[in-house]
N, C-alpha and C. Protein backbone atom coordinates (compact mmCIF):
# COMPACT_ATOMS: atom_id res chain seq x y z
N MET A 1 -8.22 -79.80 -41.39
CA MET A 1 -9.27 -79.45 -40.41
C MET A 1 -8.72 -79.56 -38.99
N THR A 2 -7.93 -80.62 -38.78
CA THR A 2 -7.34 -80.81 -37.45
C THR A 2 -6.39 -79.67 -37.13
N ASP A 3 -5.59 -79.25 -38.12
CA ASP A 3 -4.65 -78.14 -37.91
C ASP A 3 -5.40 -76.84 -37.62
N PHE A 4 -6.52 -76.62 -38.30
CA PHE A 4 -7.34 -75.42 -38.06
C PHE A 4 -7.87 -75.41 -36.63
N ARG A 5 -8.36 -76.57 -36.17
CA ARG A 5 -8.88 -76.65 -34.81
C ARG A 5 -7.78 -76.41 -33.79
N ARG A 6 -6.58 -76.97 -34.07
CA ARG A 6 -5.48 -76.79 -33.13
C ARG A 6 -5.10 -75.31 -33.01
N ARG A 7 -5.03 -74.63 -34.17
CA ARG A 7 -4.68 -73.21 -34.15
C ARG A 7 -5.76 -72.38 -33.47
N THR A 8 -7.01 -72.73 -33.70
CA THR A 8 -8.12 -72.03 -33.06
C THR A 8 -8.08 -72.22 -31.55
N GLY A 9 -7.80 -73.45 -31.13
CA GLY A 9 -7.71 -73.73 -29.70
C GLY A 9 -6.60 -72.94 -29.04
N LEU A 10 -5.46 -72.85 -29.70
CA LEU A 10 -4.33 -72.07 -29.15
C LEU A 10 -4.70 -70.59 -29.04
N LEU A 11 -5.40 -70.08 -30.06
CA LEU A 11 -5.81 -68.67 -30.05
C LEU A 11 -6.77 -68.39 -28.90
N VAL A 12 -7.74 -69.28 -28.69
CA VAL A 12 -8.69 -69.11 -27.59
C VAL A 12 -7.98 -69.15 -26.25
N ALA A 13 -7.07 -70.11 -26.09
CA ALA A 13 -6.32 -70.23 -24.83
C ALA A 13 -5.50 -68.99 -24.55
N ALA A 14 -4.86 -68.46 -25.59
CA ALA A 14 -4.06 -67.24 -25.42
C ALA A 14 -4.94 -66.06 -25.03
N SER A 15 -6.13 -65.97 -25.63
CA SER A 15 -7.04 -64.87 -25.32
C SER A 15 -7.52 -64.95 -23.88
N VAL A 16 -7.85 -66.16 -23.41
CA VAL A 16 -8.29 -66.34 -22.03
C VAL A 16 -7.18 -65.97 -21.07
N ALA A 17 -5.95 -66.39 -21.36
CA ALA A 17 -4.82 -66.07 -20.49
C ALA A 17 -4.60 -64.57 -20.41
N ALA A 18 -4.69 -63.88 -21.55
CA ALA A 18 -4.51 -62.42 -21.57
C ALA A 18 -5.60 -61.74 -20.77
N LEU A 19 -6.85 -62.21 -20.91
CA LEU A 19 -7.97 -61.63 -20.18
C LEU A 19 -7.79 -61.83 -18.68
N SER A 20 -7.33 -63.01 -18.27
CA SER A 20 -7.10 -63.28 -16.86
C SER A 20 -6.04 -62.34 -16.29
N LEU A 21 -5.01 -62.07 -17.07
CA LEU A 21 -3.94 -61.18 -16.62
C LEU A 21 -4.46 -59.77 -16.40
N VAL A 22 -5.29 -59.29 -17.33
CA VAL A 22 -5.86 -57.94 -17.20
C VAL A 22 -6.76 -57.86 -15.97
N MET A 23 -7.57 -58.90 -15.75
CA MET A 23 -8.52 -58.86 -14.64
C MET A 23 -7.83 -58.98 -13.29
N SER A 24 -6.66 -59.66 -13.24
CA SER A 24 -5.99 -59.84 -11.96
C SER A 24 -5.00 -58.73 -11.65
N ALA A 25 -4.67 -57.91 -12.64
CA ALA A 25 -3.71 -56.83 -12.42
C ALA A 25 -4.34 -55.75 -11.55
N PRO A 26 -3.55 -55.05 -10.72
CA PRO A 26 -4.09 -53.96 -9.92
C PRO A 26 -4.58 -52.83 -10.82
N PRO A 27 -5.50 -52.00 -10.33
CA PRO A 27 -5.99 -50.90 -11.16
C PRO A 27 -4.85 -50.05 -11.66
N ALA A 28 -4.95 -49.60 -12.93
CA ALA A 28 -3.88 -48.79 -13.51
C ALA A 28 -3.63 -47.54 -12.68
N SER A 29 -4.73 -46.98 -12.09
CA SER A 29 -4.59 -45.76 -11.31
C SER A 29 -3.73 -45.96 -10.08
N ALA A 30 -3.69 -47.21 -9.56
CA ALA A 30 -2.88 -47.48 -8.38
C ALA A 30 -1.40 -47.49 -8.71
N GLN A 31 -1.08 -47.58 -10.02
CA GLN A 31 0.31 -47.59 -10.44
C GLN A 31 0.78 -46.20 -10.87
N GLN A 32 -0.12 -45.24 -10.93
CA GLN A 32 0.23 -43.90 -11.37
C GLN A 32 0.75 -43.07 -10.21
N PRO A 33 1.58 -42.06 -10.51
CA PRO A 33 2.05 -41.17 -9.44
C PRO A 33 0.90 -40.40 -8.80
N ASP A 34 1.09 -40.02 -7.54
CA ASP A 34 0.08 -39.20 -6.86
C ASP A 34 -0.03 -37.85 -7.56
N ARG A 35 -1.22 -37.29 -7.52
CA ARG A 35 -1.43 -35.95 -8.06
C ARG A 35 -2.04 -35.07 -6.98
N GLY A 36 -1.77 -33.80 -7.07
CA GLY A 36 -2.36 -32.87 -6.12
C GLY A 36 -1.47 -32.51 -4.95
N ASP A 37 -0.32 -33.16 -4.82
CA ASP A 37 0.64 -32.83 -3.77
C ASP A 37 1.81 -32.10 -4.43
N GLU A 38 1.80 -30.79 -4.35
CA GLU A 38 2.83 -30.01 -5.01
C GLU A 38 3.56 -29.14 -4.00
N PRO A 39 4.67 -29.65 -3.47
CA PRO A 39 5.43 -28.87 -2.48
C PRO A 39 5.84 -27.52 -3.02
N GLY A 40 5.64 -26.49 -2.20
CA GLY A 40 6.07 -25.15 -2.58
C GLY A 40 5.01 -24.31 -3.26
N LEU A 41 3.94 -24.94 -3.76
CA LEU A 41 2.87 -24.18 -4.40
C LEU A 41 2.03 -23.50 -3.33
N VAL A 42 1.78 -22.21 -3.48
CA VAL A 42 0.96 -21.47 -2.52
C VAL A 42 -0.45 -21.37 -3.08
N ALA A 43 -1.43 -21.74 -2.26
CA ALA A 43 -2.82 -21.76 -2.70
C ALA A 43 -3.29 -20.36 -3.10
N ASP A 44 -4.14 -20.32 -4.12
CA ASP A 44 -4.75 -19.07 -4.57
C ASP A 44 -5.94 -18.77 -3.67
N ASP A 45 -5.81 -17.76 -2.81
CA ASP A 45 -6.88 -17.44 -1.86
C ASP A 45 -8.15 -16.94 -2.55
N ALA A 46 -8.02 -16.52 -3.80
CA ALA A 46 -9.18 -16.02 -4.54
C ALA A 46 -9.96 -17.14 -5.22
N TYR A 47 -9.45 -18.37 -5.14
CA TYR A 47 -10.12 -19.48 -5.81
C TYR A 47 -11.49 -19.72 -5.19
N GLN A 48 -12.52 -19.84 -6.04
CA GLN A 48 -13.90 -20.04 -5.58
C GLN A 48 -14.34 -21.47 -5.87
N LEU A 49 -14.75 -22.17 -4.82
CA LEU A 49 -15.29 -23.52 -5.02
C LEU A 49 -16.66 -23.45 -5.69
N GLU A 50 -16.97 -24.49 -6.44
CA GLU A 50 -18.33 -24.64 -6.96
C GLU A 50 -19.29 -24.79 -5.78
N PRO A 51 -20.55 -24.34 -5.92
CA PRO A 51 -21.51 -24.42 -4.81
C PRO A 51 -21.60 -25.79 -4.16
N GLU A 52 -21.47 -26.85 -4.95
CA GLU A 52 -21.55 -28.22 -4.42
C GLU A 52 -20.51 -28.49 -3.34
N TRP A 53 -19.37 -27.82 -3.42
CA TRP A 53 -18.26 -28.11 -2.51
C TRP A 53 -18.09 -27.06 -1.42
N GLN A 54 -18.95 -26.06 -1.40
CA GLN A 54 -18.85 -25.01 -0.38
C GLN A 54 -19.47 -25.48 0.93
N LYS A 55 -18.90 -25.02 2.03
CA LYS A 55 -19.42 -25.37 3.36
C LYS A 55 -20.84 -24.88 3.52
N GLN A 56 -21.72 -25.75 4.04
CA GLN A 56 -23.10 -25.35 4.28
C GLN A 56 -23.75 -26.28 5.29
N VAL A 57 -24.81 -25.81 5.92
CA VAL A 57 -25.59 -26.63 6.83
C VAL A 57 -26.68 -27.32 6.03
N VAL A 58 -26.79 -28.64 6.21
CA VAL A 58 -27.77 -29.42 5.44
C VAL A 58 -28.56 -30.32 6.39
N TYR A 59 -29.72 -30.75 5.94
CA TYR A 59 -30.45 -31.79 6.67
C TYR A 59 -29.70 -33.10 6.47
N PHE A 60 -29.57 -33.86 7.55
CA PHE A 60 -28.75 -35.07 7.47
C PHE A 60 -29.28 -36.09 8.47
N ARG A 61 -29.76 -37.21 7.94
CA ARG A 61 -30.31 -38.26 8.80
C ARG A 61 -29.23 -39.29 9.11
N THR A 62 -28.99 -39.52 10.40
CA THR A 62 -27.99 -40.49 10.81
C THR A 62 -28.28 -40.95 12.24
N THR A 63 -27.76 -42.10 12.58
CA THR A 63 -27.87 -42.59 13.95
C THR A 63 -26.65 -42.19 14.77
N GLU A 64 -25.67 -41.54 14.13
CA GLU A 64 -24.47 -41.12 14.85
C GLU A 64 -24.76 -39.88 15.70
N ALA A 65 -24.06 -39.77 16.81
CA ALA A 65 -24.28 -38.67 17.74
C ALA A 65 -23.72 -37.36 17.19
N PRO A 66 -24.31 -36.22 17.61
CA PRO A 66 -23.73 -34.92 17.25
C PRO A 66 -22.25 -34.86 17.65
N GLY A 67 -21.47 -34.23 16.79
CA GLY A 67 -20.04 -34.14 17.01
C GLY A 67 -19.24 -35.18 16.25
N THR A 68 -19.94 -36.19 15.70
CA THR A 68 -19.28 -37.23 14.91
C THR A 68 -18.97 -36.69 13.51
N ILE A 69 -17.83 -37.07 12.98
CA ILE A 69 -17.48 -36.77 11.59
C ILE A 69 -17.82 -37.99 10.74
N ILE A 70 -18.52 -37.76 9.66
CA ILE A 70 -18.81 -38.82 8.69
C ILE A 70 -18.25 -38.40 7.35
N VAL A 71 -17.37 -39.21 6.81
CA VAL A 71 -16.78 -38.96 5.49
C VAL A 71 -17.47 -39.87 4.48
N SER A 72 -18.04 -39.28 3.45
CA SER A 72 -18.65 -40.06 2.37
C SER A 72 -17.75 -39.93 1.14
N THR A 73 -16.97 -40.99 0.93
CA THR A 73 -16.03 -40.97 -0.19
C THR A 73 -16.75 -40.83 -1.52
N ALA A 74 -17.85 -41.56 -1.68
CA ALA A 74 -18.58 -41.53 -2.95
C ALA A 74 -19.12 -40.14 -3.26
N GLU A 75 -19.60 -39.44 -2.22
CA GLU A 75 -20.17 -38.10 -2.42
C GLU A 75 -19.11 -37.01 -2.46
N ARG A 76 -17.92 -37.33 -1.94
CA ARG A 76 -16.84 -36.33 -1.77
C ARG A 76 -17.30 -35.20 -0.85
N HIS A 77 -17.96 -35.63 0.25
CA HIS A 77 -18.40 -34.70 1.29
C HIS A 77 -17.97 -35.22 2.65
N LEU A 78 -17.68 -34.30 3.54
CA LEU A 78 -17.44 -34.60 4.95
C LEU A 78 -18.54 -33.93 5.74
N TYR A 79 -19.18 -34.69 6.64
CA TYR A 79 -20.28 -34.18 7.46
C TYR A 79 -19.85 -34.12 8.92
N LEU A 80 -20.10 -32.99 9.56
CA LEU A 80 -19.96 -32.89 11.01
C LEU A 80 -21.38 -32.87 11.57
N VAL A 81 -21.77 -33.96 12.22
CA VAL A 81 -23.15 -34.13 12.68
C VAL A 81 -23.49 -33.08 13.73
N GLN A 82 -24.67 -32.45 13.56
CA GLN A 82 -25.17 -31.44 14.48
C GLN A 82 -26.49 -31.92 15.10
N PRO A 83 -26.93 -31.31 16.18
CA PRO A 83 -28.25 -31.68 16.73
C PRO A 83 -29.36 -31.34 15.75
N GLY A 84 -30.52 -31.97 15.96
CA GLY A 84 -31.71 -31.63 15.19
C GLY A 84 -31.73 -32.12 13.77
N GLY A 85 -31.03 -33.22 13.49
CA GLY A 85 -31.08 -33.79 12.15
C GLY A 85 -30.36 -32.97 11.10
N ARG A 86 -29.34 -32.27 11.51
CA ARG A 86 -28.56 -31.45 10.58
C ARG A 86 -27.09 -31.80 10.66
N ALA A 87 -26.34 -31.31 9.70
CA ALA A 87 -24.89 -31.48 9.70
C ALA A 87 -24.27 -30.31 8.96
N ILE A 88 -23.05 -30.00 9.32
CA ILE A 88 -22.24 -29.07 8.53
C ILE A 88 -21.55 -29.90 7.47
N ARG A 89 -21.76 -29.55 6.22
CA ARG A 89 -21.20 -30.33 5.11
C ARG A 89 -20.06 -29.54 4.45
N TYR A 90 -18.95 -30.23 4.26
CA TYR A 90 -17.78 -29.64 3.61
C TYR A 90 -17.46 -30.45 2.34
N GLY A 91 -17.05 -29.77 1.29
CA GLY A 91 -16.54 -30.45 0.11
C GLY A 91 -15.12 -30.92 0.37
N ILE A 92 -14.80 -32.10 -0.10
CA ILE A 92 -13.47 -32.66 0.14
C ILE A 92 -12.90 -33.28 -1.13
N GLY A 93 -11.59 -33.47 -1.13
CA GLY A 93 -10.91 -34.32 -2.10
C GLY A 93 -10.63 -35.65 -1.43
N VAL A 94 -10.73 -36.74 -2.19
CA VAL A 94 -10.58 -38.08 -1.61
C VAL A 94 -9.54 -38.88 -2.38
N GLY A 95 -9.30 -40.11 -1.89
CA GLY A 95 -8.33 -40.99 -2.54
C GLY A 95 -8.78 -41.39 -3.93
N ARG A 96 -7.82 -41.48 -4.82
CA ARG A 96 -8.14 -41.92 -6.17
C ARG A 96 -8.43 -43.42 -6.16
N ASP A 97 -8.89 -43.95 -7.29
CA ASP A 97 -9.22 -45.37 -7.39
C ASP A 97 -8.01 -46.20 -6.99
N GLY A 98 -8.24 -47.18 -6.13
CA GLY A 98 -7.16 -48.01 -5.63
C GLY A 98 -6.60 -47.52 -4.31
N PHE A 99 -7.00 -46.30 -3.88
CA PHE A 99 -6.49 -45.72 -2.64
C PHE A 99 -7.61 -45.29 -1.70
N GLN A 100 -8.84 -45.72 -1.98
CA GLN A 100 -9.95 -45.39 -1.11
C GLN A 100 -10.10 -46.45 -0.04
N TRP A 101 -10.64 -46.07 1.09
CA TRP A 101 -10.76 -47.01 2.21
C TRP A 101 -11.96 -46.62 3.05
N GLN A 102 -12.33 -47.48 3.98
CA GLN A 102 -13.42 -47.17 4.90
C GLN A 102 -13.11 -47.76 6.26
N GLY A 103 -13.76 -47.23 7.28
CA GLY A 103 -13.50 -47.74 8.61
C GLY A 103 -13.97 -46.78 9.68
N LEU A 104 -13.68 -47.13 10.91
CA LEU A 104 -14.04 -46.34 12.08
C LEU A 104 -12.76 -46.01 12.85
N VAL A 105 -12.47 -44.73 12.99
CA VAL A 105 -11.25 -44.28 13.68
C VAL A 105 -11.61 -43.09 14.57
N THR A 106 -10.63 -42.58 15.29
CA THR A 106 -10.81 -41.35 16.04
C THR A 106 -9.68 -40.40 15.68
N ILE A 107 -9.90 -39.14 15.95
CA ILE A 107 -8.83 -38.15 15.78
C ILE A 107 -7.88 -38.31 16.95
N THR A 108 -6.64 -38.65 16.64
CA THR A 108 -5.65 -38.90 17.69
C THR A 108 -4.68 -37.75 17.90
N ASN A 109 -4.66 -36.80 16.97
CA ASN A 109 -3.76 -35.65 17.11
C ASN A 109 -4.25 -34.54 16.19
N LYS A 110 -3.91 -33.32 16.53
CA LYS A 110 -4.26 -32.16 15.72
C LYS A 110 -3.04 -31.23 15.66
N LYS A 111 -2.79 -30.67 14.47
CA LYS A 111 -1.65 -29.76 14.33
C LYS A 111 -2.01 -28.60 13.42
N GLU A 112 -1.57 -27.42 13.82
CA GLU A 112 -1.71 -26.24 12.97
C GLU A 112 -0.46 -26.11 12.10
N TRP A 113 -0.66 -25.81 10.82
CA TRP A 113 0.43 -25.71 9.85
C TRP A 113 1.41 -26.86 10.05
N PRO A 114 0.92 -28.08 9.85
CA PRO A 114 1.73 -29.27 10.15
C PRO A 114 2.91 -29.44 9.20
N ASP A 115 3.97 -30.06 9.74
CA ASP A 115 5.07 -30.51 8.89
C ASP A 115 4.59 -31.70 8.06
N TRP A 116 5.29 -31.96 6.98
CA TRP A 116 4.93 -33.07 6.09
C TRP A 116 6.11 -34.00 5.92
N THR A 117 5.90 -35.26 6.27
CA THR A 117 6.90 -36.31 6.03
C THR A 117 6.22 -37.37 5.18
N PRO A 118 6.39 -37.33 3.85
CA PRO A 118 5.71 -38.32 3.00
C PRO A 118 6.09 -39.74 3.43
N PRO A 119 5.11 -40.65 3.52
CA PRO A 119 5.42 -42.03 3.91
C PRO A 119 6.25 -42.74 2.84
N PRO A 120 6.93 -43.82 3.22
CA PRO A 120 7.80 -44.53 2.27
C PRO A 120 7.08 -44.96 0.99
N GLU A 121 5.81 -45.36 1.12
CA GLU A 121 5.07 -45.80 -0.06
C GLU A 121 4.93 -44.66 -1.08
N MET A 122 4.72 -43.45 -0.59
CA MET A 122 4.59 -42.30 -1.48
C MET A 122 5.94 -41.94 -2.10
N ILE A 123 7.00 -42.05 -1.30
CA ILE A 123 8.34 -41.77 -1.81
C ILE A 123 8.69 -42.76 -2.92
N GLN A 124 8.27 -44.01 -2.75
CA GLN A 124 8.55 -45.02 -3.77
C GLN A 124 7.87 -44.67 -5.08
N ARG A 125 6.65 -44.13 -5.00
CA ARG A 125 5.92 -43.75 -6.21
C ARG A 125 6.44 -42.45 -6.79
N GLN A 126 6.91 -41.56 -5.91
CA GLN A 126 7.37 -40.23 -6.34
C GLN A 126 8.72 -39.93 -5.69
N PRO A 127 9.80 -40.49 -6.23
CA PRO A 127 11.12 -40.32 -5.60
C PRO A 127 11.58 -38.87 -5.50
N TYR A 128 10.99 -37.98 -6.28
CA TYR A 128 11.42 -36.58 -6.29
C TYR A 128 10.83 -35.77 -5.13
N LEU A 129 9.90 -36.35 -4.36
CA LEU A 129 9.30 -35.60 -3.26
C LEU A 129 10.32 -35.37 -2.15
N PRO A 130 10.17 -34.26 -1.41
CA PRO A 130 11.05 -34.04 -0.26
C PRO A 130 10.80 -35.08 0.81
N ARG A 131 11.83 -35.43 1.55
CA ARG A 131 11.66 -36.39 2.65
C ARG A 131 11.04 -35.72 3.87
N PHE A 132 11.13 -34.40 3.92
CA PHE A 132 10.53 -33.62 5.01
C PHE A 132 10.28 -32.22 4.49
N MET A 133 9.15 -31.64 4.92
CA MET A 133 8.85 -30.26 4.56
C MET A 133 8.19 -29.58 5.75
N ALA A 134 8.76 -28.48 6.19
CA ALA A 134 8.20 -27.74 7.32
C ALA A 134 6.84 -27.17 6.96
N GLY A 135 5.99 -27.01 7.97
CA GLY A 135 4.67 -26.45 7.74
C GLY A 135 4.73 -25.03 7.22
N GLY A 136 3.70 -24.66 6.47
CA GLY A 136 3.63 -23.31 5.92
C GLY A 136 2.71 -23.28 4.72
N PRO A 137 2.53 -22.11 4.12
CA PRO A 137 1.58 -21.96 3.01
C PRO A 137 1.88 -22.85 1.80
N GLY A 138 3.14 -23.21 1.58
CA GLY A 138 3.49 -24.06 0.45
C GLY A 138 3.46 -25.54 0.75
N ASN A 139 3.05 -25.91 1.96
CA ASN A 139 3.02 -27.31 2.36
C ASN A 139 1.73 -27.97 1.87
N PRO A 140 1.80 -29.14 1.23
CA PRO A 140 0.58 -29.80 0.73
C PRO A 140 -0.45 -30.15 1.80
N LEU A 141 -0.04 -30.20 3.08
CA LEU A 141 -1.02 -30.48 4.14
C LEU A 141 -1.83 -29.25 4.52
N GLY A 142 -1.45 -28.10 4.03
CA GLY A 142 -2.23 -26.90 4.27
C GLY A 142 -2.18 -26.39 5.69
N ALA A 143 -3.25 -25.70 6.10
CA ALA A 143 -3.26 -24.94 7.35
C ALA A 143 -3.47 -25.80 8.59
N ARG A 144 -4.12 -26.95 8.47
CA ARG A 144 -4.42 -27.77 9.64
C ARG A 144 -4.39 -29.25 9.23
N ALA A 145 -4.12 -30.10 10.22
CA ALA A 145 -4.21 -31.55 9.99
C ALA A 145 -4.79 -32.21 11.23
N MET A 146 -5.66 -33.17 11.00
CA MET A 146 -6.23 -34.00 12.06
C MET A 146 -5.89 -35.45 11.71
N TYR A 147 -5.15 -36.09 12.61
CA TYR A 147 -4.60 -37.41 12.34
C TYR A 147 -5.60 -38.50 12.73
N LEU A 148 -5.74 -39.50 11.85
CA LEU A 148 -6.80 -40.49 11.98
C LEU A 148 -6.27 -41.81 12.53
N GLY A 149 -6.58 -42.07 13.81
CA GLY A 149 -6.18 -43.31 14.44
C GLY A 149 -4.69 -43.52 14.39
N THR A 150 -4.29 -44.77 14.09
CA THR A 150 -2.87 -45.11 13.95
C THR A 150 -2.49 -45.22 12.48
N THR A 151 -3.37 -44.75 11.59
CA THR A 151 -3.10 -44.83 10.15
C THR A 151 -2.15 -43.71 9.73
N VAL A 152 -1.75 -43.73 8.46
CA VAL A 152 -0.95 -42.64 7.90
C VAL A 152 -1.85 -41.56 7.31
N TYR A 153 -3.17 -41.72 7.47
CA TYR A 153 -4.11 -40.80 6.83
C TYR A 153 -4.49 -39.65 7.75
N ARG A 154 -4.90 -38.55 7.11
CA ARG A 154 -5.28 -37.35 7.84
C ARG A 154 -6.46 -36.68 7.14
N ILE A 155 -7.15 -35.86 7.90
CA ILE A 155 -8.02 -34.83 7.33
C ILE A 155 -7.16 -33.57 7.37
N HIS A 156 -6.95 -32.95 6.22
CA HIS A 156 -6.01 -31.82 6.21
C HIS A 156 -6.40 -30.78 5.17
N GLY A 157 -5.69 -29.67 5.21
CA GLY A 157 -5.89 -28.61 4.23
C GLY A 157 -5.17 -28.94 2.93
N THR A 158 -5.02 -27.95 2.09
CA THR A 158 -4.36 -28.19 0.81
C THR A 158 -3.84 -26.89 0.21
N ASN A 159 -2.81 -27.01 -0.59
CA ASN A 159 -2.37 -25.87 -1.40
C ASN A 159 -2.88 -26.00 -2.83
N ARG A 160 -3.80 -26.94 -3.06
CA ARG A 160 -4.44 -27.14 -4.36
C ARG A 160 -5.95 -27.13 -4.20
N PRO A 161 -6.57 -25.97 -3.96
CA PRO A 161 -8.03 -25.93 -3.78
C PRO A 161 -8.81 -26.46 -4.98
N ASP A 162 -8.19 -26.46 -6.15
CA ASP A 162 -8.87 -26.95 -7.35
C ASP A 162 -9.08 -28.47 -7.32
N THR A 163 -8.46 -29.17 -6.35
CA THR A 163 -8.64 -30.63 -6.26
C THR A 163 -9.81 -31.03 -5.36
N ILE A 164 -10.49 -30.06 -4.74
CA ILE A 164 -11.66 -30.38 -3.93
C ILE A 164 -12.77 -30.89 -4.85
N GLY A 165 -13.40 -32.00 -4.43
CA GLY A 165 -14.42 -32.61 -5.27
C GLY A 165 -13.87 -33.63 -6.25
N THR A 166 -12.56 -33.92 -6.15
CA THR A 166 -11.94 -34.87 -7.07
C THR A 166 -11.38 -36.06 -6.30
N LYS A 167 -10.90 -37.06 -7.07
CA LYS A 167 -10.29 -38.25 -6.50
C LYS A 167 -8.83 -38.28 -6.95
N VAL A 168 -7.94 -37.70 -6.16
CA VAL A 168 -6.53 -37.65 -6.58
C VAL A 168 -5.55 -38.00 -5.48
N SER A 169 -6.00 -38.11 -4.23
CA SER A 169 -5.06 -38.28 -3.13
C SER A 169 -4.66 -39.74 -2.94
N SER A 170 -3.75 -39.95 -1.99
CA SER A 170 -3.31 -41.31 -1.65
C SER A 170 -4.13 -41.91 -0.50
N GLY A 171 -5.26 -41.30 -0.19
CA GLY A 171 -6.14 -41.82 0.85
C GLY A 171 -6.51 -40.82 1.92
N CYS A 172 -5.82 -39.67 1.96
CA CYS A 172 -6.19 -38.61 2.90
C CYS A 172 -7.42 -37.87 2.38
N PHE A 173 -8.01 -37.06 3.27
CA PHE A 173 -9.17 -36.27 2.92
C PHE A 173 -8.79 -34.80 3.05
N ARG A 174 -8.88 -34.06 1.96
CA ARG A 174 -8.42 -32.67 1.97
C ARG A 174 -9.58 -31.69 1.83
N LEU A 175 -9.46 -30.57 2.53
CA LEU A 175 -10.41 -29.47 2.46
C LEU A 175 -9.63 -28.20 2.12
N VAL A 176 -10.32 -27.19 1.63
CA VAL A 176 -9.65 -25.90 1.47
C VAL A 176 -9.26 -25.40 2.86
N ASN A 177 -8.26 -24.55 2.91
CA ASN A 177 -7.70 -24.14 4.20
C ASN A 177 -8.71 -23.48 5.12
N ASN A 178 -9.59 -22.64 4.60
CA ASN A 178 -10.60 -22.00 5.46
C ASN A 178 -11.52 -23.04 6.09
N ASP A 179 -11.90 -24.05 5.30
CA ASP A 179 -12.81 -25.07 5.81
C ASP A 179 -12.12 -25.98 6.82
N VAL A 180 -10.87 -26.36 6.57
CA VAL A 180 -10.20 -27.25 7.51
C VAL A 180 -9.92 -26.53 8.82
N ALA A 181 -9.67 -25.22 8.76
CA ALA A 181 -9.48 -24.45 10.00
C ALA A 181 -10.78 -24.37 10.78
N ASP A 182 -11.90 -24.22 10.07
CA ASP A 182 -13.21 -24.19 10.72
C ASP A 182 -13.51 -25.53 11.40
N LEU A 183 -13.29 -26.63 10.69
CA LEU A 183 -13.53 -27.96 11.25
C LEU A 183 -12.60 -28.21 12.43
N TYR A 184 -11.36 -27.83 12.30
CA TYR A 184 -10.34 -28.03 13.34
C TYR A 184 -10.78 -27.40 14.66
N ASP A 185 -11.37 -26.21 14.57
CA ASP A 185 -11.81 -25.51 15.78
C ASP A 185 -13.06 -26.13 16.41
N ARG A 186 -13.78 -26.93 15.65
CA ARG A 186 -15.05 -27.50 16.13
C ARG A 186 -14.90 -28.89 16.76
N VAL A 187 -13.79 -29.58 16.48
CA VAL A 187 -13.69 -30.98 16.93
C VAL A 187 -12.45 -31.18 17.80
N PRO A 188 -12.58 -31.90 18.90
CA PRO A 188 -11.43 -32.18 19.76
C PRO A 188 -10.75 -33.50 19.39
N VAL A 189 -9.57 -33.71 19.95
CA VAL A 189 -8.93 -35.02 19.88
C VAL A 189 -9.88 -36.03 20.53
N GLY A 190 -10.01 -37.20 19.93
CA GLY A 190 -10.95 -38.22 20.41
C GLY A 190 -12.24 -38.26 19.62
N THR A 191 -12.45 -37.30 18.72
CA THR A 191 -13.67 -37.28 17.91
C THR A 191 -13.77 -38.55 17.06
N LYS A 192 -14.95 -39.12 17.05
CA LYS A 192 -15.22 -40.31 16.23
C LYS A 192 -15.33 -39.91 14.76
N VAL A 193 -14.65 -40.69 13.91
CA VAL A 193 -14.67 -40.44 12.47
C VAL A 193 -15.09 -41.72 11.76
N VAL A 194 -16.18 -41.64 11.00
CA VAL A 194 -16.70 -42.78 10.25
C VAL A 194 -16.42 -42.53 8.77
N ILE A 195 -15.66 -43.42 8.15
CA ILE A 195 -15.35 -43.27 6.72
C ILE A 195 -16.16 -44.30 5.97
N ARG A 196 -17.00 -43.81 5.06
CA ARG A 196 -17.87 -44.69 4.27
C ARG A 196 -17.58 -44.49 2.79
N GLN A 197 -17.62 -45.58 2.03
CA GLN A 197 -17.47 -45.46 0.59
C GLN A 197 -18.81 -45.31 -0.11
N LYS A 198 -19.90 -45.57 0.63
CA LYS A 198 -21.24 -45.39 0.10
C LYS A 198 -22.04 -44.52 1.04
N PRO A 199 -22.96 -43.71 0.52
CA PRO A 199 -23.79 -42.87 1.40
C PRO A 199 -24.64 -43.73 2.33
N GLU A 200 -24.97 -43.16 3.50
CA GLU A 200 -25.86 -43.86 4.44
C GLU A 200 -27.27 -43.83 3.89
N LEU A 201 -27.98 -44.94 3.99
CA LEU A 201 -29.36 -45.02 3.47
C LEU A 201 -30.34 -44.44 4.48
């Protein structure tokens, strides 16, 4: 009986230790390679977004001033606040689990057909990526980029329109090229950007 109890105790202890290891480990998705960044792929201009992700004017209640950008990670929508309780809503792709974030930043720079220099963290996860890629139709940053504060993150276009409405990026927010060009023309450097992981109540 004593031997049975000892073996049972060891089994329970081992199970608890294994469970603790699983709970303390980083999300498996954070260990996976990035998806949706495919250098050299040219976007299919005929690709049609689902209605949920198409640009549209919507009613939108907020205390933020017109001209503010609000990113709702949970909804996978970006809102450009307009007067009269409305906003222009764009469908976006967001960071995958383990790469989502929130905060208050401003647009510090804007570039048309931006060059792409993957950050060291991305190179570590994907050693096969180019260290530099000139801007153009095959560039994963797409037609426009708006740089967010002093972070490595951007609001940018994409050569993978099929990733809009999904969670696959390393923390940037991507729009189809037509939408990012439209947003780019509407907002100046210095625009306030609010990133939320939950919708505003």
